[in-house]
Amino acid sequence: MSDLIKVHCEIPLLWKSKLERLAAERKIAPTDLMREAIATYLGEAIGPHTARLDSLEAEVAALRNAVQSLTRPIPTPPQLPMPFSLHSPLTDDEDEPDEVLYDFLEGEH
């Protein structure tokens, strides 16, 4: 790409805004973004993308840190032992919860 020429074309204002936003996100000049788009469309490779690569590496590092903070284990409270089992069978010596006891009443048995 040693023989560079300047080209001119008209584009919709909306496209210009989108190009400027994308270029700002990628931290490159809008003209570099347009050159890259044309090269991609034509199937051509353009020089090394060191600025773009640096930007992407910084984004990947930030995302990696964010993911690591999300994957930390959540501490769980300690398990307390149950003092008794609600489903334990009753023995003959134990009273049924709904049993009426008459032993303490005088006279009527």
Protein backbone atom coordinates (compact mmCIF):
# COMPACT_ATOMS: atom_id res chain seq x y z
CA MET A 1 0.00 0.00 0.00
CA SER A 2 2.73 2.44 -0.86
CA ASP A 3 0.71 4.30 -3.50
CA LEU A 4 -2.05 5.93 -1.49
CA ILE A 5 -4.75 8.06 -3.06
CA LYS A 6 -7.54 10.01 -1.47
CA VAL A 7 -11.10 9.02 -2.36
CA HIS A 8 -14.31 10.89 -1.75
CA CYS A 9 -17.85 9.62 -1.47
CA GLU A 10 -21.05 10.80 0.11
CA ILE A 11 -22.64 8.76 2.87
CA PRO A 12 -25.76 9.28 4.99
CA LEU A 13 -25.30 11.33 8.12
CA LEU A 14 -26.41 8.33 10.19
CA TRP A 15 -23.53 6.27 8.77
CA LYS A 16 -21.07 9.01 9.66
CA SER A 17 -22.28 8.98 13.28
CA LYS A 18 -22.04 5.18 13.43
CA LEU A 19 -18.52 5.22 11.94
CA GLU A 20 -17.36 7.82 14.44
CA ARG A 21 -18.87 5.85 17.36
CA LEU A 22 -17.29 2.57 16.20
CA ALA A 23 -13.94 4.24 15.65
CA ALA A 24 -14.08 5.77 19.15
CA GLU A 25 -14.94 2.37 20.66
CA ARG A 26 -11.98 0.79 18.87
CA LYS A 27 -9.73 3.78 19.65
CA ILE A 28 -8.81 4.35 16.02
CA ALA A 29 -9.41 7.19 13.55
CA PRO A 30 -12.60 7.03 11.45
CA THR A 31 -10.47 7.01 8.30
CA ASP A 32 -8.63 3.91 9.54
CA LEU A 33 -11.96 2.23 10.18
CA MET A 34 -13.16 3.06 6.65
CA ARG A 35 -9.87 1.83 5.15
CA GLU A 36 -10.22 -1.42 7.14
CA ALA A 37 -13.83 -1.85 5.98
CA ILE A 38 -12.88 -1.39 2.32
CA ALA A 39 -9.93 -3.79 2.68
CA THR A 40 -12.16 -6.41 4.31
CA TYR A 41 -14.75 -6.05 1.55
CA LEU A 42 -12.05 -6.47 -1.10
CA GLY A 43 -10.44 -9.40 0.73
CA GLU A 44 -7.20 -7.50 1.20
CA ALA A 45 -4.97 -7.52 4.25
CA ILE A 46 -3.84 -4.20 5.61
CA GLY A 47 -0.84 -3.64 7.89
CA PRO A 48 -0.51 -4.81 11.47
CA HIS A 49 -3.26 -3.72 13.81
CA THR A 50 -1.13 -2.96 16.84
CA ALA A 51 -3.43 -0.23 18.18
CA ARG A 52 -6.50 -2.41 17.67
CA LEU A 53 -4.76 -5.42 19.19
CA ASP A 54 -3.67 -3.40 22.24
CA SER A 55 -7.23 -2.16 22.68
CA LEU A 56 -8.68 -5.67 22.42
CA GLU A 57 -6.12 -7.07 24.86
CA ALA A 58 -7.04 -4.39 27.40
CA GLU A 59 -10.75 -5.23 26.96
CA VAL A 60 -10.07 -8.95 27.37
CA ALA A 61 -8.09 -8.30 30.57
CA ALA A 62 -10.93 -6.19 31.98
CA LEU A 63 -13.49 -8.86 31.07
CA ARG A 64 -11.31 -11.58 32.60
CA ASN A 65 -11.16 -9.63 35.88
CA ALA A 66 -14.93 -9.13 35.83
CA VAL A 67 -15.55 -12.84 35.23
CA GLN A 68 -13.16 -13.83 38.02
CA SER A 69 -15.01 -11.59 40.45
CA LEU A 70 -18.28 -13.25 39.43
CA THR A 71 -16.97 -16.80 39.84
CA ARG A 72 -15.77 -16.49 43.42
CA PRO A 73 -17.57 -19.02 45.63
CA ILE A 74 -20.31 -17.64 47.81
CA PRO A 75 -19.69 -18.52 51.45
CA THR A 76 -22.37 -20.75 52.90
CA PRO A 77 -23.49 -20.57 56.50
CA PRO A 78 -22.43 -23.48 58.72
CA GLN A 79 -24.91 -26.32 58.96
CA LEU A 80 -26.47 -26.59 62.41
CA PRO A 81 -27.26 -30.06 63.71
CA MET A 82 -30.92 -30.88 64.20
CA PRO A 83 -31.67 -31.49 67.91
CA PHE A 84 -34.12 -34.26 67.04
CA SER A 85 -35.65 -35.87 64.04
CA LEU A 86 -39.24 -35.02 63.24
CA HIS A 87 -39.67 -38.38 61.59
CA SER A 88 -38.29 -40.70 64.28
CA PRO A 89 -40.56 -43.61 65.23
CA LEU A 90 -42.07 -43.50 68.71
CA THR A 91 -41.23 -46.18 71.25
CA ASP A 92 -43.80 -47.78 73.58
CA ASP A 93 -42.63 -45.55 76.45
CA GLU A 94 -43.36 -42.35 74.57
CA ASP A 95 -46.78 -40.74 74.34
CA GLU A 96 -48.49 -39.99 71.10
CA PRO A 97 -48.73 -36.21 70.58
CA ASP A 98 -52.52 -36.34 70.35
CA GLU A 99 -53.05 -38.98 73.08
CA VAL A 100 -55.35 -37.99 75.96
CA LEU A 101 -54.00 -39.11 79.32
CA TYR A 102 -56.55 -40.11 81.96
CA ASP A 103 -54.17 -41.42 84.63
CA PHE A 104 -54.21 -38.19 86.64
CA LEU A 105 -58.04 -37.96 86.77
CA GLU A 106 -59.69 -39.25 89.95
CA GLY A 107 -62.58 -41.62 89.87
CA GLU A 108 -63.32 -42.22 86.20
CA HIS A 109 -61.03 -44.74 84.53
